[in-house]
C-alpha atoms as a PDB file:
ATOM      1  CA  PHE A   1     -32.365  -0.256 -10.827  1.00  0.00           C
ATOM      2  CA  ASP A   2     -33.259   3.395 -10.359  1.00  0.00           C
ATOM      3  CA  PRO A   3     -35.498   4.716 -13.175  1.00  0.00           C
ATOM      4  CA  ASN A   4     -34.533   8.313 -12.372  1.00  0.00           C
ATOM      5  CA  ILE A   5     -30.812   7.845 -12.871  1.00  0.00           C
ATOM      6  CA  PRO A   6     -29.351  10.042 -15.634  1.00  0.00           C
ATOM      7  CA  SER A   7     -28.904   8.082 -18.853  1.00  0.00           C
ATOM      8  CA  ARG A   8     -25.154   8.674 -19.039  1.00  0.00           C
ATOM      9  CA  TYR A   9     -24.778   6.748 -15.751  1.00  0.00           C
ATOM     10  CA  ALA A  10     -27.374   4.029 -16.385  1.00  0.00           C
ATOM     11  CA  HIS A  11     -24.722   1.445 -17.344  1.00  0.00           C
ATOM     12  CA  LEU A  12     -22.922   1.764 -13.988  1.00  0.00           C
ATOM     13  CA  ARG A  13     -23.580  -0.787 -11.275  1.00  0.00           C
ATOM     14  CA  LEU A  14     -23.200   0.846  -7.889  1.00  0.00           C
ATOM     15  CA  ASP A  15     -23.762  -0.458  -4.410  1.00  0.00           C
ATOM     16  CA  LYS A  16     -27.363   0.057  -3.277  1.00  0.00           C
ATOM     17  CA  LEU A  17     -26.337   2.638  -0.668  1.00  0.00           C
ATOM     18  CA  TRP A  18     -23.406   4.187  -2.549  1.00  0.00           C
ATOM     19  CA  TYR A  19     -24.463   7.715  -1.552  1.00  0.00           C
ATOM     20  CA  CYS A  20     -24.803   7.003   2.193  1.00  0.00           C
ATOM     21  CA  ALA A  21     -21.621   7.921   3.996  1.00  0.00           C
ATOM     22  CA  GLY A  22     -22.421   5.757   7.032  1.00  0.00           C
ATOM     23  CA  HIS A  23     -22.702   2.547   5.014  1.00  0.00           C
ATOM     24  CA  LYS A  24     -19.276   2.580   3.424  1.00  0.00           C
ATOM     25  CA  GLN A  25     -16.282   0.607   4.540  1.00  0.00           C
ATOM     26  CA  LYS A  26     -13.074   2.486   5.125  1.00  0.00           C
ATOM     27  CA  ARG A  27     -10.672   1.842   2.287  1.00  0.00           C
ATOM     28  CA  LYS A  28      -7.038   1.010   2.795  1.00  0.00           C
ATOM     29  CA  GLN A  29      -4.566   3.844   2.433  1.00  0.00           C
ATOM     30  CA  ARG A  30      -2.815   3.791  -0.925  1.00  0.00           C
ATOM     31  CA  LYS A  31       0.119   5.654  -2.334  1.00  0.00           C
ATOM     32  CA  THR A  32      -1.027   8.449  -4.611  1.00  0.00           C
ATOM     33  CA  GLN A  33       1.815   8.835  -7.068  1.00  0.00           C
ATOM     34  CA  GLY A  34       0.821  11.263  -9.787  1.00  0.00           C
ATOM     35  CA  SER A  35      -2.793  11.660  -8.716  1.00  0.00           C
ATOM     36  CA  CYS A  36      -4.295  14.838  -7.349  1.00  0.00           C
ATOM     37  CA  GLY A  37      -4.612  15.470  -3.642  1.00  0.00           C
ATOM     38  CA  PHE A  38      -7.741  16.092  -1.640  1.00  0.00           C
ATOM     39  CA  ILE A  39      -7.635  19.882  -1.977  1.00  0.00           C
ATOM     40  CA  GLU A  40      -7.192  19.739  -5.751  1.00  0.00           C
ATOM     41  CA  LEU A  41      -9.956  17.168  -6.051  1.00  0.00           C
ATOM     42  CA  THR A  42     -12.285  19.317  -3.935  1.00  0.00           C
ATOM     43  CA  LYS A  43     -11.599  22.331  -6.133  1.00  0.00           C
ATOM     44  CA  MET A  44     -12.302  20.354  -9.316  1.00  0.00           C
ATOM     45  CA  VAL A  45     -15.542  18.870  -7.979  1.00  0.00           C
ATOM     46  CA  SER A  46     -16.828  22.196  -6.675  1.00  0.00           C
ATOM     47  CA  ALA A  47     -15.991  23.953  -9.966  1.00  0.00           C
ATOM     48  CA  ARG A  48     -17.916  21.319 -11.922  1.00  0.00           C
ATOM     49  CA  TRP A  49     -20.816  21.343  -9.480  1.00  0.00           C
ATOM     50  CA  LYS A  50     -21.073  25.128  -9.863  1.00  0.00           C
ATOM     51  CA  VAL A  51     -21.796  24.854 -13.613  1.00  0.00           C
ATOM     52  CA  ILE A  52     -23.683  21.557 -13.706  1.00  0.00           C
ATOM     53  CA  ASP A  53     -27.022  23.373 -14.039  1.00  0.00           C
ATOM     54  CA  LYS A  54     -25.907  24.458 -17.500  1.00  0.00           C
ATOM     55  CA  THR A  55     -24.029  21.332 -18.549  1.00  0.00           C
ATOM     56  CA  ASP A  56     -26.184  18.508 -17.155  1.00  0.00           C
ATOM     57  CA  PRO A  57     -29.250  19.643 -15.164  1.00  0.00           C
ATOM     58  CA  HIS A  58     -30.684  16.100 -14.953  1.00  0.00           C
ATOM     59  CA  VAL A  59     -27.626  14.917 -13.024  1.00  0.00           C
ATOM     60  CA  LYS A  60     -27.906  17.821 -10.579  1.00  0.00           C
ATOM     61  CA  ARG A  61     -31.629  17.141 -10.006  1.00  0.00           C
ATOM     62  CA  TYR A  62     -30.904  13.464  -9.419  1.00  0.00           C
ATOM     63  CA  CYS A  63     -28.109  14.176  -6.924  1.00  0.00           C
ATOM     64  CA  GLN A  64     -30.185  16.828  -5.178  1.00  0.00           C
ATOM     65  CA  ASN A  65     -33.091  14.377  -4.831  1.00  0.00           C
ATOM     66  CA  LEU A  66     -30.766  11.813  -3.245  1.00  0.00           C
ATOM     67  CA  ALA A  67     -29.442  14.451  -0.856  1.00  0.00           C
ATOM     68  CA  ASP A  68     -32.976  15.535   0.052  1.00  0.00           C
ATOM     69  CA  LEU A  69     -33.992  11.934   0.782  1.00  0.00           C
ATOM     70  CA  GLU A  70     -30.957  11.431   3.012  1.00  0.00           C
ATOM     71  CA  LEU A  71     -31.613  14.712   4.831  1.00  0.00           C
ATOM     72  CA  ASP A  72     -35.238  13.712   5.490  1.00  0.00           C
ATOM     73  CA  SER A  73     -34.099  10.337   6.795  1.00  0.00           C
ATOM     74  CA  TYR A  74     -31.488  11.998   9.012  1.00  0.00           C
ATOM     75  CA  LYS A  75     -34.045  14.428  10.447  1.00  0.00           C
ATOM     76  CA  LYS A  76     -36.447  11.588  11.244  1.00  0.00           C
ATOM     77  CA  GLU A  77     -33.698   9.635  12.994  1.00  0.00           C
ATOM     78  CA  ILE A  78     -32.631  12.694  14.996  1.00  0.00           C
ATOM     79  CA  ASN A  79     -36.196  13.440  16.040  1.00  0.00           C
ATOM     80  CA  GLU A  80     -36.690   9.840  17.118  1.00  0.00           C
ATOM     81  CA  TYR A  81     -33.430   9.943  19.083  1.00  0.00           C
ATOM     82  CA  LYS A  82     -34.391  13.203  20.794  1.00  0.00           C
ATOM     83  CA  ARG A  83     -37.794  11.760  21.638  1.00  0.00           C
ATOM     84  CA  LEU A  84     -36.175   8.755  23.305  1.00  0.00           C
ATOM     85  CA  VAL A  85     -33.483  10.669  25.185  1.00  0.00           C
END
């Protein structure tokens, strides 16, 4: 359990590494009848992300902290790789 998770998402049970792209399994391709495509989804997400500071700043801080942690981890791994190569 993450004590910093925004309260509106506290009831969700996510995989421990849900935010790490490298730890996910590739999902099977499904038919997308009636759902939005990737471009539409990207536009919706980016529009909401643009105003999230005003609507839900705690969620943005939480997501930004996760991104910062992943970036630090990535930089450490890259530096270690470069040191070994």
